[in-house]
Amino acid sequence: RQAMLVEQVLRFVDKGLCILTNERDSIRVADEAILLLLYAWNSAPVAGTDLSRSLLAVGRKFKFPIDISASKHLELTSTPPAVQSYTKDLAKLLDASLPVAKPLLEEHRAYHREP
């Protein structure tokens, strides 16, 4: 089942990469194009819902890959209470998204099994 999803993602990226490189007449845009295409894939809603793949997978929407904040850099150090708080929040989001994701996943698999 994972192989089918990987094939869908790769097919999407391949088609999008062909379009973007042909549009620019250069393969030099490949890095930016791949980031943009993966962002598009992850932000697209799951069939039959308004929920993005990233929201169901990790509990939040992904940031646009080329959004840059000049005013503040990402902080890579965290305090133990901040980590514990983050993991508790993430666990709550995961618990809330699993009941939604499971029926959608089963419906999606059933759709692909039918002729």
PDB file of N, CA and C in Angstrom:
ATOM      1  N   ARG A   1       0.820  -1.191   0.000  1.00  0.00           N
ATOM      2  CA  ARG A   1       0.000   0.000   0.000  1.00  0.00           C
ATOM      3  C   ARG A   1       0.864   1.253   0.000  1.00  0.00           C
ATOM      4  N   GLN A   2       1.950   1.216   0.748  1.00  0.00           N
ATOM      5  CA  GLN A   2       2.851   2.360   0.754  1.00  0.00           C
ATOM      6  C   GLN A   2       3.472   2.558  -0.623  1.00  0.00           C
ATOM      7  N   ALA A   3       3.712   1.434  -1.323  1.00  0.00           N
ATOM      8  CA  ALA A   3       4.312   1.535  -2.654  1.00  0.00           C
ATOM      9  C   ALA A   3       3.390   2.295  -3.595  1.00  0.00           C
ATOM     10  N   MET A   4       2.076   2.071  -3.479  1.00  0.00           N
ATOM     11  CA  MET A   4       1.124   2.761  -4.343  1.00  0.00           C
ATOM     12  C   MET A   4       1.164   4.270  -4.072  1.00  0.00           C
ATOM     13  N   LEU A   5       1.258   4.663  -2.813  1.00  0.00           N
ATOM     14  CA  LEU A   5       1.321   6.079  -2.468  1.00  0.00           C
ATOM     15  C   LEU A   5       2.619   6.700  -2.980  1.00  0.00           C
ATOM     16  N   VAL A   6       3.719   5.981  -2.812  1.00  0.00           N
ATOM     17  CA  VAL A   6       5.002   6.486  -3.294  1.00  0.00           C
ATOM     18  C   VAL A   6       4.967   6.660  -4.812  1.00  0.00           C
ATOM     19  N   GLU A   7       4.372   5.707  -5.512  1.00  0.00           N
ATOM     20  CA  GLU A   7       4.262   5.814  -6.966  1.00  0.00           C
ATOM     21  C   GLU A   7       3.426   7.018  -7.365  1.00  0.00           C
ATOM     22  N   GLN A   8       2.351   7.293  -6.638  1.00  0.00           N
ATOM     23  CA  GLN A   8       1.513   8.455  -6.935  1.00  0.00           C
ATOM     24  C   GLN A   8       2.286   9.749  -6.731  1.00  0.00           C
ATOM     25  N   VAL A   9       3.036   9.845  -5.639  1.00  0.00           N
ATOM     26  CA  VAL A   9       3.820  11.047  -5.365  1.00  0.00           C
ATOM     27  C   VAL A   9       4.880  11.231  -6.445  1.00  0.00           C
ATOM     28  N   LEU A  10       5.592  10.160  -6.775  1.00  0.00           N
ATOM     29  CA  LEU A  10       6.644  10.262  -7.787  1.00  0.00           C
ATOM     30  C   LEU A  10       6.080  10.609  -9.157  1.00  0.00           C
ATOM     31  N   ARG A  11       4.938  10.055  -9.502  1.00  0.00           N
ATOM     32  CA  ARG A  11       4.291  10.392 -10.779  1.00  0.00           C
ATOM     33  C   ARG A  11       3.914  11.873 -10.802  1.00  0.00           C
ATOM     34  N   PHE A  12       3.369  12.374  -9.697  1.00  0.00           N
ATOM     35  CA  PHE A  12       2.999  13.788  -9.589  1.00  0.00           C
ATOM     36  C   PHE A  12       4.233  14.679  -9.731  1.00  0.00           C
ATOM     37  N   VAL A  13       5.307  14.340  -9.014  1.00  0.00           N
ATOM     38  CA  VAL A  13       6.535  15.140  -9.077  1.00  0.00           C
ATOM     39  C   VAL A  13       7.142  15.070 -10.476  1.00  0.00           C
ATOM     40  N   ASP A  14       7.151  13.890 -11.087  1.00  0.00           N
ATOM     41  CA  ASP A  14       7.724  13.736 -12.429  1.00  0.00           C
ATOM     42  C   ASP A  14       6.974  14.593 -13.453  1.00  0.00           C
ATOM     43  N   LYS A  15       5.656  14.522 -13.439  1.00  0.00           N
ATOM     44  CA  LYS A  15       4.866  15.322 -14.387  1.00  0.00           C
ATOM     45  C   LYS A  15       5.059  16.809 -14.145  1.00  0.00           C
ATOM     46  N   GLY A  16       5.011  17.212 -12.882  1.00  0.00           N
ATOM     47  CA  GLY A  16       5.193  18.624 -12.559  1.00  0.00           C
ATOM     48  C   GLY A  16       6.585  19.123 -12.918  1.00  0.00           C
ATOM     49  N   LEU A  17       7.594  18.293 -12.687  1.00  0.00           N
ATOM     50  CA  LEU A  17       8.973  18.664 -13.018  1.00  0.00           C
ATOM     51  C   LEU A  17       9.150  18.812 -14.520  1.00  0.00           C
ATOM     52  N   CYS A  18       8.535  17.921 -15.277  1.00  0.00           N
ATOM     53  CA  CYS A  18       8.588  18.039 -16.745  1.00  0.00           C
ATOM     54  C   CYS A  18       7.962  19.353 -17.203  1.00  0.00           C
ATOM     55  N   ILE A  19       6.823  19.684 -16.640  1.00  0.00           N
ATOM     56  CA  ILE A  19       6.140  20.921 -17.024  1.00  0.00           C
ATOM     57  C   ILE A  19       6.984  22.142 -16.670  1.00  0.00           C
ATOM     58  N   LEU A  20       7.495  22.189 -15.441  1.00  0.00           N
ATOM     59  CA  LEU A  20       8.247  23.361 -15.002  1.00  0.00           C
ATOM     60  C   LEU A  20       9.583  23.513 -15.726  1.00  0.00           C
ATOM     61  N   THR A  21      10.286  22.418 -15.980  1.00  0.00           N
ATOM     62  CA  THR A  21      11.565  22.535 -16.689  1.00  0.00           C
ATOM     63  C   THR A  21      11.353  22.867 -18.160  1.00  0.00           C
ATOM     64  N   ASN A  22      10.297  22.350 -18.767  1.00  0.00           N
ATOM     65  CA  ASN A  22      10.002  22.701 -20.162  1.00  0.00           C
ATOM     66  C   ASN A  22       9.562  24.152 -20.280  1.00  0.00           C
ATOM     67  N   GLU A  23       8.837  24.617 -19.279  1.00  0.00           N
ATOM     68  CA  GLU A  23       8.374  26.008 -19.291  1.00  0.00           C
ATOM     69  C   GLU A  23       9.543  26.980 -19.197  1.00  0.00           C
ATOM     70  N   ARG A  24      10.575  26.612 -18.469  1.00  0.00           N
ATOM     71  CA  ARG A  24      11.746  27.485 -18.282  1.00  0.00           C
ATOM     72  C   ARG A  24      12.884  27.164 -19.249  1.00  0.00           C
ATOM     73  N   ASP A  25      12.745  26.092 -20.030  1.00  0.00           N
ATOM     74  CA  ASP A  25      13.801  25.640 -20.950  1.00  0.00           C
ATOM     75  C   ASP A  25      15.128  25.399 -20.236  1.00  0.00           C
ATOM     76  N   SER A  26      15.057  24.920 -18.998  1.00  0.00           N
ATOM     77  CA  SER A  26      16.269  24.667 -18.228  1.00  0.00           C
ATOM     78  C   SER A  26      15.947  23.703 -17.086  1.00  0.00           C
ATOM     79  N   ILE A  27      16.945  22.887 -16.760  1.00  0.00           N
ATOM     80  CA  ILE A  27      16.771  21.997 -15.603  1.00  0.00           C
ATOM     81  C   ILE A  27      17.300  22.646 -14.331  1.00  0.00           C
ATOM     82  N   ARG A  28      17.767  23.879 -14.437  1.00  0.00           N
ATOM     83  CA  ARG A  28      18.322  24.574 -13.264  1.00  0.00           C
ATOM     84  C   ARG A  28      17.248  24.932 -12.239  1.00  0.00           C
ATOM     85  N   VAL A  29      15.999  24.822 -12.606  1.00  0.00           N
ATOM     86  CA  VAL A  29      14.914  25.135 -11.673  1.00  0.00           C
ATOM     87  C   VAL A  29      14.451  23.892 -10.922  1.00  0.00           C
ATOM     88  N   ALA A  30      15.149  22.772 -11.112  1.00  0.00           N
ATOM     89  CA  ALA A  30      14.693  21.495 -10.554  1.00  0.00           C
ATOM     90  C   ALA A  30      14.579  21.514  -9.035  1.00  0.00           C
ATOM     91  N   ASP A  31      15.574  22.072  -8.337  1.00  0.00           N
ATOM     92  CA  ASP A  31      15.526  22.089  -6.870  1.00  0.00           C
ATOM     93  C   ASP A  31      14.307  22.840  -6.359  1.00  0.00           C
ATOM     94  N   GLU A  32      14.105  24.052  -6.886  1.00  0.00           N
ATOM     95  CA  GLU A  32      12.957  24.851  -6.466  1.00  0.00           C
ATOM     96  C   GLU A  32      11.647  24.188  -6.882  1.00  0.00           C
ATOM     97  N   ALA A  33      11.645  23.589  -8.074  1.00  0.00           N
ATOM     98  CA  ALA A  33      10.429  22.944  -8.573  1.00  0.00           C
ATOM     99  C   ALA A  33      10.034  21.758  -7.703  1.00  0.00           C
ATOM    100  N   ILE A  34      11.009  20.958  -7.291  1.00  0.00           N
ATOM    101  CA  ILE A  34      10.706  19.797  -6.449  1.00  0.00           C
ATOM    102  C   ILE A  34      10.143  20.250  -5.101  1.00  0.00           C
ATOM    103  N   LEU A  35      10.737  21.275  -4.494  1.00  0.00           N
ATOM    104  CA  LEU A  35      10.202  21.803  -3.233  1.00  0.00           C
ATOM    105  C   LEU A  35       8.775  22.302  -3.410  1.00  0.00           C
ATOM    106  N   LEU A  36       8.538  23.019  -4.486  1.00  0.00           N
ATOM    107  CA  LEU A  36       7.209  23.553  -4.751  1.00  0.00           C
ATOM    108  C   LEU A  36       6.198  22.434  -4.987  1.00  0.00           C
ATOM    109  N   LEU A  37       6.579  21.424  -5.751  1.00  0.00           N
ATOM    110  CA  LEU A  37       5.675  20.313  -6.039  1.00  0.00           C
ATOM    111  C   LEU A  37       5.368  19.482  -4.792  1.00  0.00           C
ATOM    112  N   LEU A  38       6.366  19.244  -3.958  1.00  0.00           N
ATOM    113  CA  LEU A  38       6.104  18.496  -2.721  1.00  0.00           C
ATOM    114  C   LEU A  38       5.229  19.294  -1.766  1.00  0.00           C
ATOM    115  N   TYR A  39       5.419  20.608  -1.740  1.00  0.00           N
ATOM    116  CA  TYR A  39       4.535  21.451  -0.932  1.00  0.00           C
ATOM    117  C   TYR A  39       3.105  21.357  -1.460  1.00  0.00           C
ATOM    118  N   ALA A  40       2.952  21.410  -2.785  1.00  0.00           N
ATOM    119  CA  ALA A  40       1.615  21.313  -3.390  1.00  0.00           C
ATOM    120  C   ALA A  40       0.965  19.973  -3.066  1.00  0.00           C
ATOM    121  N   TRP A  41       1.741  18.890  -3.132  1.00  0.00           N
ATOM    122  CA  TRP A  41       1.204  17.562  -2.831  1.00  0.00           C
ATOM    123  C   TRP A  41       0.733  17.487  -1.375  1.00  0.00           C
ATOM    124  N   ASN A  42       1.555  17.966  -0.465  1.00  0.00           N
ATOM    125  CA  ASN A  42       1.232  17.874   0.957  1.00  0.00           C
ATOM    126  C   ASN A  42       0.143  18.844   1.399  1.00  0.00           C
ATOM    127  N   SER A  43      -0.052  19.936   0.662  1.00  0.00           N
ATOM    128  CA  SER A  43      -1.085  20.891   1.047  1.00  0.00           C
ATOM    129  C   SER A  43      -2.410  20.626   0.338  1.00  0.00           C
ATOM    130  N   ALA A  44      -2.418  19.703  -0.615  1.00  0.00           N
ATOM    131  CA  ALA A  44      -3.667  19.363  -1.312  1.00  0.00           C
ATOM    132  C   ALA A  44      -4.583  18.579  -0.373  1.00  0.00           C
ATOM    133  N   PRO A  45      -5.891  18.798  -0.477  1.00  0.00           N
ATOM    134  CA  PRO A  45      -6.795  18.066   0.411  1.00  0.00           C
ATOM    135  C   PRO A  45      -6.906  16.593   0.030  1.00  0.00           C
ATOM    136  N   VAL A  46      -7.129  15.764   1.034  1.00  0.00           N
ATOM    137  CA  VAL A  46      -7.391  14.348   0.815  1.00  0.00           C
ATOM    138  C   VAL A  46      -8.749  14.235   0.127  1.00  0.00           C
ATOM    139  N   ALA A  47      -8.877  13.290  -0.774  1.00  0.00           N
ATOM    140  CA  ALA A  47     -10.110  13.128  -1.549  1.00  0.00           C
ATOM    141  C   ALA A  47     -11.334  13.061  -0.632  1.00  0.00           C
ATOM    142  N   GLY A  48     -12.309  13.906  -0.915  1.00  0.00           N
ATOM    143  CA  GLY A  48     -13.553  13.909  -0.165  1.00  0.00           C
ATOM    144  C   GLY A  48     -13.539  14.710   1.120  1.00  0.00           C
ATOM    145  N   THR A  49     -12.447  15.435   1.387  1.00  0.00           N
ATOM    146  CA  THR A  49     -12.362  16.221   2.617  1.00  0.00           C
ATOM    147  C   THR A  49     -11.786  17.593   2.312  1.00  0.00           C
ATOM    148  N   ASP A  50     -11.760  18.429   3.328  1.00  0.00           N
ATOM    149  CA  ASP A  50     -11.081  19.716   3.247  1.00  0.00           C
ATOM    150  C   ASP A  50      -9.770  19.686   4.027  1.00  0.00           C
ATOM    151  N   LEU A  51      -9.325  18.501   4.412  1.00  0.00           N
ATOM    152  CA  LEU A  51      -8.133  18.349   5.243  1.00  0.00           C
ATOM    153  C   LEU A  51      -6.922  18.033   4.380  1.00  0.00           C
ATOM    154  N   SER A  52      -5.844  18.788   4.585  1.00  0.00           N
ATOM    155  CA  SER A  52      -4.630  18.556   3.804  1.00  0.00           C
ATOM    156  C   SER A  52      -3.906  17.320   4.316  1.00  0.00           C
ATOM    157  N   ARG A  53      -3.059  16.764   3.447  1.00  0.00           N
ATOM    158  CA  ARG A  53      -2.275  15.591   3.838  1.00  0.00           C
ATOM    159  C   ARG A  53      -1.345  15.930   5.004  1.00  0.00           C
ATOM    160  N   SER A  54      -0.767  17.121   4.972  1.00  0.00           N
ATOM    161  CA  SER A  54       0.156  17.492   6.049  1.00  0.00           C
ATOM    162  C   SER A  54      -0.572  17.630   7.380  1.00  0.00           C
ATOM    163  N   LEU A  55      -1.797  18.148   7.351  1.00  0.00           N
ATOM    164  CA  LEU A  55      -2.564  18.291   8.580  1.00  0.00           C
ATOM    165  C   LEU A  55      -2.884  16.922   9.184  1.00  0.00           C
ATOM    166  N   LEU A  56      -3.234  15.958   8.344  1.00  0.00           N
ATOM    167  CA  LEU A  56      -3.534  14.617   8.848  1.00  0.00           C
ATOM    168  C   LEU A  56      -2.278  13.879   9.299  1.00  0.00           C
ATOM    169  N   ALA A  57      -1.167  14.121   8.620  1.00  0.00           N
ATOM    170  CA  ALA A  57       0.059  13.377   8.938  1.00  0.00           C
ATOM    171  C   ALA A  57       0.768  13.902  10.179  1.00  0.00           C
ATOM    172  N   VAL A  58       0.912  15.218  10.286  1.00  0.00           N
ATOM    173  CA  VAL A  58       1.698  15.771  11.397  1.00  0.00           C
ATOM    174  C   VAL A  58       0.917  16.746  12.261  1.00  0.00           C
ATOM    175  N   GLY A  59      -0.336  16.999  11.935  1.00  0.00           N
ATOM    176  CA  GLY A  59      -1.160  17.849  12.785  1.00  0.00           C
ATOM    177  C   GLY A  59      -1.007  19.337  12.546  1.00  0.00           C
ATOM    178  N   ARG A  60      -0.362  19.738  11.461  1.00  0.00           N
ATOM    179  CA  ARG A  60      -0.240  21.161  11.147  1.00  0.00           C
ATOM    180  C   ARG A  60      -0.018  21.332   9.653  1.00  0.00           C
ATOM    181  N   LYS A  61      -0.275  22.528   9.174  1.00  0.00           N
ATOM    182  CA  LYS A  61      -0.001  22.821   7.765  1.00  0.00           C
ATOM    183  C   LYS A  61       1.468  23.166   7.621  1.00  0.00           C
ATOM    184  N   PHE A  62       2.064  22.737   6.533  1.00  0.00           N
ATOM    185  CA  PHE A  62       3.466  23.051   6.286  1.00  0.00           C
ATOM    186  C   PHE A  62       3.614  24.493   5.833  1.00  0.00           C
ATOM    187  N   LYS A  63       4.760  25.083   6.155  1.00  0.00           N
ATOM    188  CA  LYS A  63       5.066  26.420   5.678  1.00  0.00           C
ATOM    189  C   LYS A  63       5.484  26.337   4.214  1.00  0.00           C
ATOM    190  N   PHE A  64       5.203  27.398   3.480  1.00  0.00           N
ATOM    191  CA  PHE A  64       5.622  27.453   2.088  1.00  0.00           C
ATOM    192  C   PHE A  64       7.146  27.366   2.044  1.00  0.00           C
ATOM    193  N   PRO A  65       7.725  26.560   1.127  1.00  0.00           N
ATOM    194  CA  PRO A  65       9.162  26.283   1.196  1.00  0.00           C
ATOM    195  C   PRO A  65      10.083  27.486   1.023  1.00  0.00           C
ATOM    196  N   ILE A  66       9.616  28.561   0.415  1.00  0.00           N
ATOM    197  CA  ILE A  66      10.515  29.696   0.222  1.00  0.00           C
ATOM    198  C   ILE A  66      10.107  30.904   1.053  1.00  0.00           C
ATOM    199  N   ASP A  67       9.243  30.684   2.054  1.00  0.00           N
ATOM    200  CA  ASP A  67       8.927  31.765   2.990  1.00  0.00           C
ATOM    201  C   ASP A  67      10.123  31.978   3.909  1.00  0.00           C
ATOM    202  N   ILE A  68      10.566  33.201   3.979  1.00  0.00           N
ATOM    203  CA  ILE A  68      11.729  33.523   4.811  1.00  0.00           C
ATOM    204  C   ILE A  68      11.354  34.678   5.724  1.00  0.00           C
ATOM    205  N   SER A  69      11.729  34.553   6.971  1.00  0.00           N
ATOM    206  CA  SER A  69      11.527  35.644   7.903  1.00  0.00           C
ATOM    207  C   SER A  69      12.884  36.257   8.210  1.00  0.00           C
ATOM    208  N   ALA A  70      13.079  37.505   7.797  1.00  0.00           N
ATOM    209  CA  ALA A  70      14.362  38.165   8.024  1.00  0.00           C
ATOM    210  C   ALA A  70      14.485  38.665   9.458  1.00  0.00           C
ATOM    211  N   SER A  71      13.359  38.803  10.147  1.00  0.00           N
ATOM    212  CA  SER A  71      13.411  39.390  11.478  1.00  0.00           C
ATOM    213  C   SER A  71      13.835  38.397  12.556  1.00  0.00           C
ATOM    214  N   LYS A  72      13.562  37.110  12.379  1.00  0.00           N
ATOM    215  CA  LYS A  72      13.898  36.151  13.419  1.00  0.00           C
ATOM    216  C   LYS A  72      14.313  34.823  12.802  1.00  0.00           C
ATOM    217  N   HIS A  73      15.363  34.262  13.303  1.00  0.00           N
ATOM    218  CA  HIS A  73      15.828  32.966  12.841  1.00  0.00           C
ATOM    219  C   HIS A  73      15.176  31.872  13.669  1.00  0.00           C
ATOM    220  N   LEU A  74      15.175  30.683  13.122  1.00  0.00           N
ATOM    221  CA  LEU A  74      14.635  29.527  13.816  1.00  0.00           C
ATOM    222  C   LEU A  74      15.492  29.194  15.027  1.00  0.00           C
ATOM    223  N   GLU A  75      14.843  28.984  16.149  1.00  0.00           N
ATOM    224  CA  GLU A  75      15.570  28.622  17.353  1.00  0.00           C
ATOM    225  C   GLU A  75      15.692  27.103  17.417  1.00  0.00           C
ATOM    226  N   LEU A  76      16.915  26.624  17.487  1.00  0.00           N
ATOM    227  CA  LEU A  76      17.154  25.194  17.471  1.00  0.00           C
ATOM    228  C   LEU A  76      17.284  24.595  18.870  1.00  0.00           C
ATOM    229  N   THR A  77      17.355  25.424  19.873  1.00  0.00           N
ATOM    230  CA  THR A  77      17.468  24.917  21.236  1.00  0.00           C
ATOM    231  C   THR A  77      16.113  25.046  21.932  1.00  0.00           C
ATOM    232  N   SER A  78      15.791  24.053  22.716  1.00  0.00           N
ATOM    233  CA  SER A  78      14.526  24.052  23.449  1.00  0.00           C
ATOM    234  C   SER A  78      14.769  23.638  24.889  1.00  0.00           C
ATOM    235  N   THR A  79      13.911  24.103  25.756  1.00  0.00           N
ATOM    236  CA  THR A  79      13.984  23.695  27.148  1.00  0.00           C
ATOM    237  C   THR A  79      13.159  22.422  27.323  1.00  0.00           C
ATOM    238  N   PRO A  80      13.474  21.606  28.306  1.00  0.00           N
ATOM    239  CA  PRO A  80      12.683  20.391  28.533  1.00  0.00           C
ATOM    240  C   PRO A  80      11.181  20.656  28.699  1.00  0.00           C
ATOM    241  N   PRO A  81      10.751  21.705  29.429  1.00  0.00           N
ATOM    242  CA  PRO A  81       9.304  21.944  29.509  1.00  0.00           C
ATOM    243  C   PRO A  81       8.674  22.282  28.146  1.00  0.00           C
ATOM    244  N   ALA A  82       9.422  22.993  27.299  1.00  0.00           N
ATOM    245  CA  ALA A  82       8.901  23.326  25.978  1.00  0.00           C
ATOM    246  C   ALA A  82       8.737  22.067  25.129  1.00  0.00           C
ATOM    247  N   VAL A  83       9.684  21.151  25.229  1.00  0.00           N
ATOM    248  CA  VAL A  83       9.609  19.892  24.488  1.00  0.00           C
ATOM    249  C   VAL A  83       8.434  19.060  24.986  1.00  0.00           C
ATOM    250  N   GLN A  84       8.259  18.999  26.302  1.00  0.00           N
ATOM    251  CA  GLN A  84       7.144  18.233  26.861  1.00  0.00           C
ATOM    252  C   GLN A  84       5.803  18.833  26.450  1.00  0.00           C
ATOM    253  N   SER A  85       5.702  20.131  26.472  1.00  0.00           N
ATOM    254  CA  SER A  85       4.474  20.800  26.065  1.00  0.00           C
ATOM    255  C   SER A  85       4.175  20.525  24.595  1.00  0.00           C
ATOM    256  N   TYR A  86       5.211  20.604  23.766  1.00  0.00           N
ATOM    257  CA  TYR A  86       5.044  20.349  22.335  1.00  0.00           C
ATOM    258  C   TYR A  86       4.588  18.918  22.089  1.00  0.00           C
ATOM    259  N   THR A  87       5.198  17.953  22.775  1.00  0.00           N
ATOM    260  CA  THR A  87       4.819  16.560  22.554  1.00  0.00           C
ATOM    261  C   THR A  87       3.402  16.285  23.042  1.00  0.00           C
ATOM    262  N   LYS A  88       2.978  16.918  24.117  1.00  0.00           N
ATOM    263  CA  LYS A  88       1.600  16.750  24.590  1.00  0.00           C
ATOM    264  C   LYS A  88       0.613  17.315  23.574  1.00  0.00           C
ATOM    265  N   ASP A  89       0.923  18.500  23.030  1.00  0.00           N
ATOM    266  CA  ASP A  89       0.054  19.102  22.020  1.00  0.00           C
ATOM    267  C   ASP A  89      -0.002  18.237  20.771  1.00  0.00           C
ATOM    268  N   LEU A  90       1.145  17.702  20.350  1.00  0.00           N
ATOM    269  CA  LEU A  90       1.196  16.863  19.167  1.00  0.00           C
ATOM    270  C   LEU A  90       0.418  15.567  19.384  1.00  0.00           C
ATOM    271  N   ALA A  91       0.514  14.995  20.580  1.00  0.00           N
ATOM    272  CA  ALA A  91      -0.231  13.777  20.888  1.00  0.00           C
ATOM    273  C   ALA A  91      -1.736  14.037  20.848  1.00  0.00           C
ATOM    274  N   LYS A  92      -2.176  15.200  21.343  1.00  0.00           N
ATOM    275  CA  LYS A  92      -3.594  15.546  21.286  1.00  0.00           C
ATOM    276  C   LYS A  92      -4.066  15.676  19.843  1.00  0.00           C
ATOM    277  N   LEU A  93      -3.259  16.337  19.008  1.00  0.00           N
ATOM    278  CA  LEU A  93      -3.614  16.486  17.599  1.00  0.00           C
ATOM    279  C   LEU A  93      -3.667  15.141  16.891  1.00  0.00           C
ATOM    280  N   LEU A  94      -2.720  14.268  17.208  1.00  0.00           N
ATOM    281  CA  LEU A  94      -2.704  12.939  16.606  1.00  0.00           C
ATOM    282  C   LEU A  94      -3.930  12.144  17.025  1.00  0.00           C
ATOM    283  N   ASP A  95      -4.270  12.193  18.310  1.00  0.00           N
ATOM    284  CA  ASP A  95      -5.468  11.495  18.787  1.00  0.00           C
ATOM    285  C   ASP A  95      -6.726  12.018  18.108  1.00  0.00           C
ATOM    286  N   ALA A  96      -6.774  13.314  17.847  1.00  0.00           N
ATOM    287  CA  ALA A  96      -7.944  13.899  17.203  1.00  0.00           C
ATOM    288  C   ALA A  96      -7.999  13.586  15.713  1.00  0.00           C
ATOM    289  N   SER A  97      -6.843  13.435  15.058  1.00  0.00           N
ATOM    290  CA  SER A  97      -6.842  13.219  13.618  1.00  0.00           C
ATOM    291  C   SER A  97      -6.993  11.752  13.228  1.00  0.00           C
ATOM    292  N   LEU A  98      -6.623  10.817  14.103  1.00  0.00           N
ATOM    293  CA  LEU A  98      -6.728   9.400  13.761  1.00  0.00           C
ATOM    294  C   LEU A  98      -8.154   8.953  13.453  1.00  0.00           C
ATOM    295  N   PRO A  99      -9.162   9.328  14.248  1.00  0.00           N
ATOM    296  CA  PRO A  99     -10.520   8.909  13.905  1.00  0.00           C
ATOM    297  C   PRO A  99     -11.002   9.473  12.559  1.00  0.00           C
ATOM    298  N   VAL A 100     -10.463  10.601  12.165  1.00  0.00           N
ATOM    299  CA  VAL A 100     -10.829  11.187  10.877  1.00  0.00           C
ATOM    300  C   VAL A 100     -10.062  10.501   9.751  1.00  0.00           C
ATOM    301  N   ALA A 101      -8.798  10.238   9.971  1.00  0.00           N
ATOM    302  CA  ALA A 101      -7.943   9.697   8.921  1.00  0.00           C
ATOM    303  C   ALA A 101      -8.250   8.235   8.603  1.00  0.00           C
ATOM    304  N   LYS A 102      -8.578   7.419   9.598  1.00  0.00           N
ATOM    305  CA  LYS A 102      -8.796   5.990   9.351  1.00  0.00           C
ATOM    306  C   LYS A 102      -9.939   5.716   8.373  1.00  0.00           C
ATOM    307  N   PRO A 103     -11.147   6.295   8.552  1.00  0.00           N
ATOM    308  CA  PRO A 103     -12.206   6.039   7.568  1.00  0.00           C
ATOM    309  C   PRO A 103     -11.854   6.582   6.178  1.00  0.00           C
ATOM    310  N   LEU A 104     -11.166   7.709   6.144  1.00  0.00           N
ATOM    311  CA  LEU A 104     -10.771   8.268   4.851  1.00  0.00           C
ATOM    312  C   LEU A 104      -9.777   7.363   4.139  1.00  0.00           C
ATOM    313  N   LEU A 105      -8.847   6.814   4.895  1.00  0.00           N
ATOM    314  CA  LEU A 105      -7.863   5.911   4.323  1.00  0.00           C
ATOM    315  C   LEU A 105      -8.529   4.640   3.810  1.00  0.00           C
ATOM    316  N   GLU A 106      -9.437   4.085   4.581  1.00  0.00           N
ATOM    317  CA  GLU A 106     -10.160   2.882   4.137  1.00  0.00           C
ATOM    318  C   GLU A 106     -10.988   3.167   2.885  1.00  0.00           C
ATOM    319  N   GLU A 107     -11.652   4.316   2.842  1.00  0.00           N
ATOM    320  CA  GLU A 107     -12.439   4.692   1.668  1.00  0.00           C
ATOM    321  C   GLU A 107     -11.529   4.866   0.452  1.00  0.00           C
ATOM    322  N   HIS A 108     -10.382   5.477   0.658  1.00  0.00           N
ATOM    323  CA  HIS A 108      -9.426   5.688  -0.430  1.00  0.00           C
ATOM    324  C   HIS A 108      -8.900   4.353  -0.954  1.00  0.00           C
ATOM    325  N   ARG A 109      -8.581   3.428  -0.042  1.00  0.00           N
ATOM    326  CA  ARG A 109      -8.093   2.105  -0.452  1.00  0.00           C
ATOM    327  C   ARG A 109      -9.177   1.332  -1.181  1.00  0.00           C
ATOM    328  N   ALA A 110     -10.420   1.404  -0.689  1.00  0.00           N
ATOM    329  CA  ALA A 110     -11.531   0.715  -1.344  1.00  0.00           C
ATOM    330  C   ALA A 110     -11.761   1.267  -2.741  1.00  0.00           C
ATOM    331  N   TYR A 111     -11.616   2.553  -2.902  1.00  0.00           N
ATOM    332  CA  TYR A 111     -11.791   3.190  -4.205  1.00  0.00           C
ATOM    333  C   TYR A 111     -10.773   2.648  -5.213  1.00  0.00           C
ATOM    334  N   HIS A 112      -9.539   2.433  -4.773  1.00  0.00           N
ATOM    335  CA  HIS A 112      -8.503   1.964  -5.664  1.00  0.00           C
ATOM    336  C   HIS A 112      -8.571   0.459  -5.887  1.00  0.00           C
ATOM    337  N   ARG A 113      -9.256  -0.280  -5.018  1.00  0.00           N
ATOM    338  CA  ARG A 113      -9.409  -1.717  -5.204  1.00  0.00           C
ATOM    339  C   ARG A 113     -10.490  -2.048  -6.222  1.00  0.00           C
ATOM    340  N   GLU A 114     -11.516  -1.205  -6.299  1.00  0.00           N
ATOM    341  CA  GLU A 114     -12.635  -1.480  -7.204  1.00  0.00           C
ATOM    342  C   GLU A 114     -12.216  -1.276  -8.651  1.00  0.00           C
ATOM    343  N   PRO A 115     -12.740  -2.138  -9.558  1.00  0.00           N
ATOM    344  CA  PRO A 115     -12.371  -1.997 -10.985  1.00  0.00           C
ATOM    345  C   PRO A 115     -12.958  -0.773 -11.635  1.00  0.00           C
TER     346      PRO A 115
END
